[in-house]
Amino acid sequence: MLPCAVATVSLAPRPASNQLTTQLTTQLKQILDKHAAFWNASYSFAIANDSVEVAVAAGYDDHARGTNLTRDMQIPQGSTTKMYTAVAVMRLEEQGVLRLDDTVAPHIDRYLAVKLPCADAPSMCAAQCASTAPCWANRNASGCEGTTAETFAACSYCVRYFHCDAFQAAGAPEAVTLTNVWDNDPTIELVTFRHLLTMASGVKDYFFDRTNWLYREVMASTRDIEPLEYLAVTQRDSRSQSPDTAQPS
């Protein structure tokens, strides 16, 4: 079992004594312990503002090994970011910056088309990813048959360096698109902001990941995972569903 809830609350500033902080910590810990026991779940909860900073945790970080969750442990936020993302998208729509039924692919393609300085490319890019770079545009090209989803995921950090000499010499595309990431299946171009906000994009979440890649690479480690890396490793299981019939993600 993994931690399943993270919360940060901002309260109106007011002077807080050490006694108040101690009392608040004790009371919150009692609440979290009660819910952790009742729901067999794990929680990390924090309150932080100009006058008080309190953090408590309850339950297990690893249920099988009996490792208790502590306030200092890092927890992938996951779905707790949805409330902020939804508000941000709705505000952009209200301001006329986008429409909910706009497709997402053109926005991601513009991001992918930004060429990063070749001098900043991670060392692993040329060494490990140049040979497979042409496979992004054509998965059936010679030498691409054995390229795994994990390889595409790891090399997703290099796609904005494909204009650099090492990649161009290997036959890499000048730029990668979202369709390339999605195994060159154009159905990904149908996904809209509305699909994303209503969890009907067709991109499955880690619950459907039969390889446990997300757990191994994200939840069991402290390194950052970019969305493109997750897309690159999950597209083969997800792309069989259209946005209108997709499982929630």
C-alpha atoms as a PDB file:
ATOM      1  CA  MET A   1       0.000   0.000   0.000  1.00  0.00           C
ATOM      2  CA  LEU A   2       1.217   3.482  -0.851  1.00  0.00           C
ATOM      3  CA  PRO A   3       0.361   6.890   0.615  1.00  0.00           C
ATOM      4  CA  CYS A   4      -2.852   8.016  -1.034  1.00  0.00           C
ATOM      5  CA  ALA A   5      -3.424  11.573   0.119  1.00  0.00           C
ATOM      6  CA  VAL A   6      -1.381  14.733   0.379  1.00  0.00           C
ATOM      7  CA  ALA A   7      -2.804  18.093   1.390  1.00  0.00           C
ATOM      8  CA  THR A   8      -1.478  21.567   2.025  1.00  0.00           C
ATOM      9  CA  VAL A   9      -3.767  24.200   3.512  1.00  0.00           C
ATOM     10  CA  SER A  10      -3.150  27.933   3.791  1.00  0.00           C
ATOM     11  CA  LEU A  11      -4.907  29.694   6.642  1.00  0.00           C
ATOM     12  CA  ALA A  12      -5.354  33.408   7.354  1.00  0.00           C
ATOM     13  CA  PRO A  13      -2.184  34.698   9.044  1.00  0.00           C
ATOM     14  CA  ARG A  14      -2.369  35.073  12.807  1.00  0.00           C
ATOM     15  CA  PRO A  15       0.151  34.871  15.623  1.00  0.00           C
ATOM     16  CA  ALA A  16       0.820  31.298  16.622  1.00  0.00           C
ATOM     17  CA  SER A  17       2.416  30.259  19.881  1.00  0.00           C
ATOM     18  CA  ASN A  18       4.482  27.130  20.338  1.00  0.00           C
ATOM     19  CA  GLN A  19       1.668  25.789  22.496  1.00  0.00           C
ATOM     20  CA  LEU A  20      -0.871  26.305  19.699  1.00  0.00           C
ATOM     21  CA  THR A  21       1.400  24.599  17.178  1.00  0.00           C
ATOM     22  CA  THR A  22       1.881  21.647  19.523  1.00  0.00           C
ATOM     23  CA  GLN A  23      -1.857  21.350  20.181  1.00  0.00           C
ATOM     24  CA  LEU A  24      -2.680  21.572  16.490  1.00  0.00           C
ATOM     25  CA  THR A  25      -0.079  18.959  15.639  1.00  0.00           C
ATOM     26  CA  THR A  26      -1.444  16.590  18.283  1.00  0.00           C
ATOM     27  CA  GLN A  27      -5.050  17.014  17.184  1.00  0.00           C
ATOM     28  CA  LEU A  28      -4.277  16.582  13.496  1.00  0.00           C
ATOM     29  CA  LYS A  29      -2.206  13.481  14.193  1.00  0.00           C
ATOM     30  CA  GLN A  30      -5.122  11.939  16.092  1.00  0.00           C
ATOM     31  CA  ILE A  31      -7.448  12.627  13.151  1.00  0.00           C
ATOM     32  CA  LEU A  32      -5.054  11.147  10.593  1.00  0.00           C
ATOM     33  CA  ASP A  33      -4.329   8.085  12.742  1.00  0.00           C
ATOM     34  CA  LYS A  34      -8.065   7.434  13.056  1.00  0.00           C
ATOM     35  CA  HIS A  35      -8.693   7.662   9.314  1.00  0.00           C
ATOM     36  CA  ALA A  36      -5.572   5.677   8.441  1.00  0.00           C
ATOM     37  CA  ALA A  37      -6.739   2.812  10.663  1.00  0.00           C
ATOM     38  CA  PHE A  38     -10.366   2.965   9.492  1.00  0.00           C
ATOM     39  CA  TRP A  39      -9.677   3.228   5.759  1.00  0.00           C
ATOM     40  CA  ASN A  40      -6.438   1.213   5.724  1.00  0.00           C
ATOM     41  CA  ALA A  41      -4.840   4.155   3.936  1.00  0.00           C
ATOM     42  CA  SER A  42      -1.882   6.472   4.422  1.00  0.00           C
ATOM     43  CA  TYR A  43      -1.939  10.240   4.694  1.00  0.00           C
ATOM     44  CA  SER A  44       0.423  13.190   4.794  1.00  0.00           C
ATOM     45  CA  PHE A  45      -1.097  16.544   5.737  1.00  0.00           C
ATOM     46  CA  ALA A  46       0.413  19.999   6.159  1.00  0.00           C
ATOM     47  CA  ILE A  47      -0.631  23.522   7.061  1.00  0.00           C
ATOM     48  CA  ALA A  48       1.782  26.304   6.158  1.00  0.00           C
ATOM     49  CA  ASN A  49       1.447  30.080   6.137  1.00  0.00           C
ATOM     50  CA  ASP A  50       3.156  33.142   7.573  1.00  0.00           C
ATOM     51  CA  SER A  51       2.340  32.254  11.157  1.00  0.00           C
ATOM     52  CA  VAL A  52       2.167  28.479  11.507  1.00  0.00           C
ATOM     53  CA  GLU A  53       3.776  25.440   9.944  1.00  0.00           C
ATOM     54  CA  VAL A  54       2.512  22.012  10.904  1.00  0.00           C
ATOM     55  CA  ALA A  55       3.016  18.656   9.167  1.00  0.00           C
ATOM     56  CA  VAL A  56       1.749  15.244  10.236  1.00  0.00           C
ATOM     57  CA  ALA A  57       1.574  11.783   8.687  1.00  0.00           C
ATOM     58  CA  ALA A  58      -0.155   8.499   9.452  1.00  0.00           C
ATOM     59  CA  GLY A  59      -0.233   4.973   8.075  1.00  0.00           C
ATOM     60  CA  TYR A  60       2.439   3.041   6.246  1.00  0.00           C
ATOM     61  CA  ASP A  61       4.887   4.054   3.576  1.00  0.00           C
ATOM     62  CA  ASP A  62       5.237   0.354   2.788  1.00  0.00           C
ATOM     63  CA  HIS A  63       2.453  -1.820   4.168  1.00  0.00           C
ATOM     64  CA  ALA A  64       4.160  -5.129   3.331  1.00  0.00           C
ATOM     65  CA  ARG A  65       7.289  -4.218   5.276  1.00  0.00           C
ATOM     66  CA  GLY A  66       5.466  -2.310   7.994  1.00  0.00           C
ATOM     67  CA  THR A  67       7.378   0.917   7.331  1.00  0.00           C
ATOM     68  CA  ASN A  68       5.602   3.854   8.937  1.00  0.00           C
ATOM     69  CA  LEU A  69       5.012   7.000   6.904  1.00  0.00           C
ATOM     70  CA  THR A  70       6.708  10.065   8.373  1.00  0.00           C
ATOM     71  CA  ARG A  71       6.243  13.752   7.678  1.00  0.00           C
ATOM     72  CA  ASP A  72       9.668  13.939   6.027  1.00  0.00           C
ATOM     73  CA  MET A  73       9.061  11.254   3.400  1.00  0.00           C
ATOM     74  CA  GLN A  74       8.554  12.332  -0.216  1.00  0.00           C
ATOM     75  CA  ILE A  75       5.233  11.347  -1.758  1.00  0.00           C
ATOM     76  CA  PRO A  76       4.311  11.635  -5.455  1.00  0.00           C
ATOM     77  CA  GLN A  77       1.395  14.065  -5.480  1.00  0.00           C
ATOM     78  CA  GLY A  78      -0.539  12.387  -8.268  1.00  0.00           C
ATOM     79  CA  SER A  79      -4.214  13.261  -8.321  1.00  0.00           C
ATOM     80  CA  THR A  80      -3.889  16.035  -5.749  1.00  0.00           C
ATOM     81  CA  THR A  81      -2.644  18.282  -8.569  1.00  0.00           C
ATOM     82  CA  LYS A  82      -5.896  17.868 -10.519  1.00  0.00           C
ATOM     83  CA  MET A  83      -7.761  20.533  -8.563  1.00  0.00           C
ATOM     84  CA  TYR A  84      -5.121  23.130  -9.376  1.00  0.00           C
ATOM     85  CA  THR A  85      -4.790  22.068 -13.011  1.00  0.00           C
ATOM     86  CA  ALA A  86      -8.547  22.200 -13.547  1.00  0.00           C
ATOM     87  CA  VAL A  87      -8.829  25.706 -12.086  1.00  0.00           C
ATOM     88  CA  ALA A  88      -5.893  26.920 -14.188  1.00  0.00           C
ATOM     89  CA  VAL A  89      -7.376  25.544 -17.421  1.00  0.00           C
ATOM     90  CA  MET A  90     -10.823  26.964 -16.667  1.00  0.00           C
ATOM     91  CA  ARG A  91      -9.326  30.396 -15.992  1.00  0.00           C
ATOM     92  CA  LEU A  92      -7.464  30.280 -19.307  1.00  0.00           C
ATOM     93  CA  GLU A  93     -10.713  29.441 -21.044  1.00  0.00           C
ATOM     94  CA  GLU A  94     -12.487  32.277 -19.240  1.00  0.00           C
ATOM     95  CA  GLN A  95      -9.757  34.660 -20.438  1.00  0.00           C
ATOM     96  CA  GLY A  96     -10.130  33.441 -24.017  1.00  0.00           C
ATOM     97  CA  VAL A  97      -6.636  31.949 -24.182  1.00  0.00           C
ATOM     98  CA  LEU A  98      -8.022  28.528 -25.099  1.00  0.00           C
ATOM     99  CA  ARG A  99     -11.278  26.626 -25.546  1.00  0.00           C
ATOM    100  CA  LEU A 100     -12.116  23.359 -23.816  1.00  0.00           C
ATOM    101  CA  ASP A 101     -12.693  21.696 -27.174  1.00  0.00           C
ATOM    102  CA  ASP A 102      -9.312  22.783 -28.552  1.00  0.00           C
ATOM    103  CA  THR A 103      -7.026  19.843 -29.230  1.00  0.00           C
ATOM    104  CA  VAL A 104      -3.967  19.542 -27.034  1.00  0.00           C
ATOM    105  CA  ALA A 105      -1.504  18.198 -29.615  1.00  0.00           C
ATOM    106  CA  PRO A 106      -0.628  21.556 -31.262  1.00  0.00           C
ATOM    107  CA  HIS A 107       0.339  23.025 -27.884  1.00  0.00           C
ATOM    108  CA  ILE A 108       2.560  20.050 -27.040  1.00  0.00           C
ATOM    109  CA  ASP A 109       4.076  20.085 -30.526  1.00  0.00           C
ATOM    110  CA  ARG A 110       5.116  23.714 -30.065  1.00  0.00           C
ATOM    111  CA  TYR A 111       6.804  22.747 -26.798  1.00  0.00           C
ATOM    112  CA  LEU A 112       8.587  19.830 -28.463  1.00  0.00           C
ATOM    113  CA  ALA A 113       9.723  22.029 -31.350  1.00  0.00           C
ATOM    114  CA  VAL A 114      11.730  24.305 -29.050  1.00  0.00           C
ATOM    115  CA  LYS A 115      15.388  23.517 -29.727  1.00  0.00           C
ATOM    116  CA  LEU A 116      17.487  23.363 -26.579  1.00  0.00           C
ATOM    117  CA  PRO A 117      21.204  24.259 -26.638  1.00  0.00           C
ATOM    118  CA  CYS A 118      23.229  21.250 -27.754  1.00  0.00           C
ATOM    119  CA  ALA A 119      25.834  21.983 -25.066  1.00  0.00           C
ATOM    120  CA  ASP A 120      23.179  21.303 -22.421  1.00  0.00           C
ATOM    121  CA  ALA A 121      22.227  17.847 -23.700  1.00  0.00           C
ATOM    122  CA  PRO A 122      22.539  15.125 -21.037  1.00  0.00           C
ATOM    123  CA  SER A 123      25.531  12.892 -21.703  1.00  0.00           C
ATOM    124  CA  MET A 124      23.314   9.836 -22.042  1.00  0.00           C
ATOM    125  CA  CYS A 125      21.499  11.326 -25.046  1.00  0.00           C
ATOM    126  CA  ALA A 126      24.221  10.923 -27.669  1.00  0.00           C
ATOM    127  CA  ALA A 127      25.633   7.796 -26.061  1.00  0.00           C
ATOM    128  CA  GLN A 128      22.389   5.853 -25.596  1.00  0.00           C
ATOM    129  CA  CYS A 129      19.704   7.491 -27.708  1.00  0.00           C
ATOM    130  CA  ALA A 130      21.238   8.663 -30.996  1.00  0.00           C
ATOM    131  CA  SER A 131      21.025   5.210 -32.562  1.00  0.00           C
ATOM    132  CA  THR A 132      17.302   4.921 -31.845  1.00  0.00           C
ATOM    133  CA  ALA A 133      16.410   8.541 -32.644  1.00  0.00           C
ATOM    134  CA  PRO A 134      15.102   7.740 -36.177  1.00  0.00           C
ATOM    135  CA  CYS A 135      12.636   5.297 -34.601  1.00  0.00           C
ATOM    136  CA  TRP A 136      10.565   8.159 -33.188  1.00  0.00           C
ATOM    137  CA  ALA A 137       9.369   9.096 -36.669  1.00  0.00           C
ATOM    138  CA  ASN A 138       9.240   5.545 -38.032  1.00  0.00           C
ATOM    139  CA  ARG A 139       8.910   2.655 -35.608  1.00  0.00           C
ATOM    140  CA  ASN A 140       9.244   0.220 -38.521  1.00  0.00           C
ATOM    141  CA  ALA A 141      12.586   1.558 -39.714  1.00  0.00           C
ATOM    142  CA  SER A 142      15.523  -0.806 -39.935  1.00  0.00           C
ATOM    143  CA  GLY A 143      16.999  -1.458 -36.505  1.00  0.00           C
ATOM    144  CA  CYS A 144      13.930  -0.237 -34.614  1.00  0.00           C
ATOM    145  CA  GLU A 145      12.236  -3.595 -34.116  1.00  0.00           C
ATOM    146  CA  GLY A 146      13.789  -4.246 -30.728  1.00  0.00           C
ATOM    147  CA  THR A 147      13.411  -0.715 -29.318  1.00  0.00           C
ATOM    148  CA  THR A 148      11.374  -1.037 -26.119  1.00  0.00           C
ATOM    149  CA  ALA A 149       8.882   1.349 -24.594  1.00  0.00           C
ATOM    150  CA  GLU A 150      11.327   1.816 -21.716  1.00  0.00           C
ATOM    151  CA  THR A 151      13.985   2.992 -24.192  1.00  0.00           C
ATOM    152  CA  PHE A 152      11.615   5.522 -25.720  1.00  0.00           C
ATOM    153  CA  ALA A 153      10.727   6.668 -22.200  1.00  0.00           C
ATOM    154  CA  ALA A 154      14.346   7.194 -21.179  1.00  0.00           C
ATOM    155  CA  CYS A 155      15.186   8.942 -24.462  1.00  0.00           C
ATOM    156  CA  SER A 156      12.186  11.269 -24.210  1.00  0.00           C
ATOM    157  CA  TYR A 157      14.518  13.590 -22.286  1.00  0.00           C
ATOM    158  CA  CYS A 158      16.589  13.968 -25.468  1.00  0.00           C
ATOM    159  CA  VAL A 159      13.974  14.773 -28.117  1.00  0.00           C
ATOM    160  CA  ARG A 160      14.511  18.534 -27.963  1.00  0.00           C
ATOM    161  CA  TYR A 161      18.183  17.959 -28.789  1.00  0.00           C
ATOM    162  CA  PHE A 162      17.441  16.028 -31.998  1.00  0.00           C
ATOM    163  CA  HIS A 163      18.617  19.029 -34.043  1.00  0.00           C
ATOM    164  CA  CYS A 164      22.133  18.505 -32.695  1.00  0.00           C
ATOM    165  CA  ASP A 165      24.854  16.938 -34.867  1.00  0.00           C
ATOM    166  CA  ALA A 166      24.967  13.520 -33.198  1.00  0.00           C
ATOM    167  CA  PHE A 167      21.262  12.954 -33.765  1.00  0.00           C
ATOM    168  CA  GLN A 168      21.106  14.436 -37.262  1.00  0.00           C
ATOM    169  CA  ALA A 169      24.014  12.225 -38.299  1.00  0.00           C
ATOM    170  CA  ALA A 170      22.007   9.229 -37.080  1.00  0.00           C
ATOM    171  CA  GLY A 171      18.957  10.273 -39.120  1.00  0.00           C
ATOM    172  CA  ALA A 172      16.818  11.726 -36.346  1.00  0.00           C
ATOM    173  CA  PRO A 173      13.783  13.866 -37.210  1.00  0.00           C
ATOM    174  CA  GLU A 174      14.382  17.605 -36.830  1.00  0.00           C
ATOM    175  CA  ALA A 175      11.631  17.708 -34.200  1.00  0.00           C
ATOM    176  CA  VAL A 176       9.364  15.182 -32.493  1.00  0.00           C
ATOM    177  CA  THR A 177       5.588  15.567 -32.260  1.00  0.00           C
ATOM    178  CA  LEU A 178       3.052  14.199 -29.799  1.00  0.00           C
ATOM    179  CA  THR A 179       1.951  11.758 -32.501  1.00  0.00           C
ATOM    180  CA  ASN A 180       5.519  10.438 -32.676  1.00  0.00           C
ATOM    181  CA  VAL A 181       5.479   9.918 -28.929  1.00  0.00           C
ATOM    182  CA  TRP A 182       2.167   8.078 -29.261  1.00  0.00           C
ATOM    183  CA  ASP A 183       3.669   5.371 -31.468  1.00  0.00           C
ATOM    184  CA  ASN A 184       2.772   7.461 -34.564  1.00  0.00           C
ATOM    185  CA  ASP A 185      -0.918   6.812 -33.956  1.00  0.00           C
ATOM    186  CA  PRO A 186      -2.828   9.971 -35.058  1.00  0.00           C
ATOM    187  CA  THR A 187      -5.764   9.321 -32.718  1.00  0.00           C
ATOM    188  CA  ILE A 188      -3.833  11.161 -29.998  1.00  0.00           C
ATOM    189  CA  GLU A 189      -4.440  14.322 -32.045  1.00  0.00           C
ATOM    190  CA  LEU A 190      -8.171  14.060 -31.204  1.00  0.00           C
ATOM    191  CA  VAL A 191      -7.622  14.607 -27.478  1.00  0.00           C
ATOM    192  CA  THR A 192      -8.949  17.944 -26.220  1.00  0.00           C
ATOM    193  CA  PHE A 193      -8.650  19.899 -22.990  1.00  0.00           C
ATOM    194  CA  ARG A 194     -12.162  18.733 -22.160  1.00  0.00           C
ATOM    195  CA  HIS A 195     -11.062  15.108 -22.528  1.00  0.00           C
ATOM    196  CA  LEU A 196      -8.200  15.732 -20.121  1.00  0.00           C
ATOM    197  CA  LEU A 197     -10.316  17.511 -17.519  1.00  0.00           C
ATOM    198  CA  THR A 198     -12.991  14.813 -17.609  1.00  0.00           C
ATOM    199  CA  MET A 199     -10.404  12.003 -17.563  1.00  0.00           C
ATOM    200  CA  ALA A 200     -11.579  10.658 -20.912  1.00  0.00           C
ATOM    201  CA  SER A 201      -8.407  11.171 -22.943  1.00  0.00           C
ATOM    202  CA  GLY A 202      -7.690   7.502 -23.538  1.00  0.00           C
ATOM    203  CA  VAL A 203      -4.348   7.760 -21.752  1.00  0.00           C
ATOM    204  CA  LYS A 204      -4.530   5.157 -19.030  1.00  0.00           C
ATOM    205  CA  ASP A 205      -3.131   5.801 -15.587  1.00  0.00           C
ATOM    206  CA  TYR A 206      -0.741   3.644 -13.596  1.00  0.00           C
ATOM    207  CA  PHE A 207      -3.599   1.436 -12.337  1.00  0.00           C
ATOM    208  CA  PHE A 208      -3.662  -0.165 -15.787  1.00  0.00           C
ATOM    209  CA  ASP A 209       0.113  -0.447 -16.118  1.00  0.00           C
ATOM    210  CA  ARG A 210       0.755  -4.180 -16.344  1.00  0.00           C
ATOM    211  CA  THR A 211       4.516  -3.705 -16.124  1.00  0.00           C
ATOM    212  CA  ASN A 212       4.417  -1.624 -12.909  1.00  0.00           C
ATOM    213  CA  TRP A 213       6.704   0.859 -14.671  1.00  0.00           C
ATOM    214  CA  LEU A 214       5.287   3.876 -12.847  1.00  0.00           C
ATOM    215  CA  TYR A 215       5.753   2.261  -9.461  1.00  0.00           C
ATOM    216  CA  ARG A 216       9.318   1.171 -10.227  1.00  0.00           C
ATOM    217  CA  GLU A 217      10.418   4.423 -11.853  1.00  0.00           C
ATOM    218  CA  VAL A 218       8.369   7.016  -9.994  1.00  0.00           C
ATOM    219  CA  MET A 219       6.861   5.919  -6.712  1.00  0.00           C
ATOM    220  CA  ALA A 220       9.842   3.821  -5.707  1.00  0.00           C
ATOM    221  CA  SER A 221      12.371   6.540  -6.511  1.00  0.00           C
ATOM    222  CA  THR A 222      12.895  10.247  -5.889  1.00  0.00           C
ATOM    223  CA  ARG A 223      13.741  11.260  -9.462  1.00  0.00           C
ATOM    224  CA  ASP A 224      11.438  13.509 -11.464  1.00  0.00           C
ATOM    225  CA  ILE A 225       9.392  12.003 -14.287  1.00  0.00           C
ATOM    226  CA  GLU A 226       8.291  14.160 -17.196  1.00  0.00           C
ATOM    227  CA  PRO A 227       4.816  13.555 -18.694  1.00  0.00           C
ATOM    228  CA  LEU A 228       6.383  12.648 -22.043  1.00  0.00           C
ATOM    229  CA  GLU A 229       8.299   9.816 -20.429  1.00  0.00           C
ATOM    230  CA  TYR A 230       5.091   8.360 -19.039  1.00  0.00           C
ATOM    231  CA  LEU A 231       3.329   8.730 -22.400  1.00  0.00           C
ATOM    232  CA  ALA A 232       6.179   7.012 -24.204  1.00  0.00           C
ATOM    233  CA  VAL A 233       6.034   3.953 -21.965  1.00  0.00           C
ATOM    234  CA  THR A 234       2.244   3.615 -21.723  1.00  0.00           C
ATOM    235  CA  GLN A 235       1.068   4.383 -25.258  1.00  0.00           C
ATOM    236  CA  ARG A 236       1.007   0.786 -26.466  1.00  0.00           C
ATOM    237  CA  ASP A 237      -1.594  -0.238 -23.869  1.00  0.00           C
ATOM    238  CA  SER A 238      -3.633   2.934 -24.235  1.00  0.00           C
ATOM    239  CA  ARG A 239      -3.811   3.781 -27.908  1.00  0.00           C
ATOM    240  CA  SER A 240      -6.376   1.081 -28.737  1.00  0.00           C
ATOM    241  CA  GLN A 241      -9.134   3.242 -27.234  1.00  0.00           C
ATOM    242  CA  SER A 242     -10.583   6.367 -28.752  1.00  0.00           C
ATOM    243  CA  PRO A 243     -11.047   9.455 -26.557  1.00  0.00           C
ATOM    244  CA  ASP A 244     -14.829   8.950 -26.522  1.00  0.00           C
ATOM    245  CA  THR A 245     -14.648   5.394 -25.187  1.00  0.00           C
ATOM    246  CA  ALA A 246     -11.553   5.579 -23.031  1.00  0.00           C
ATOM    247  CA  GLN A 247     -11.202   4.429 -19.477  1.00  0.00           C
ATOM    248  CA  PRO A 248     -10.753   7.296 -16.986  1.00  0.00           C
ATOM    249  CA  SER A 249      -7.161   8.325 -16.479  1.00  0.00           C
END
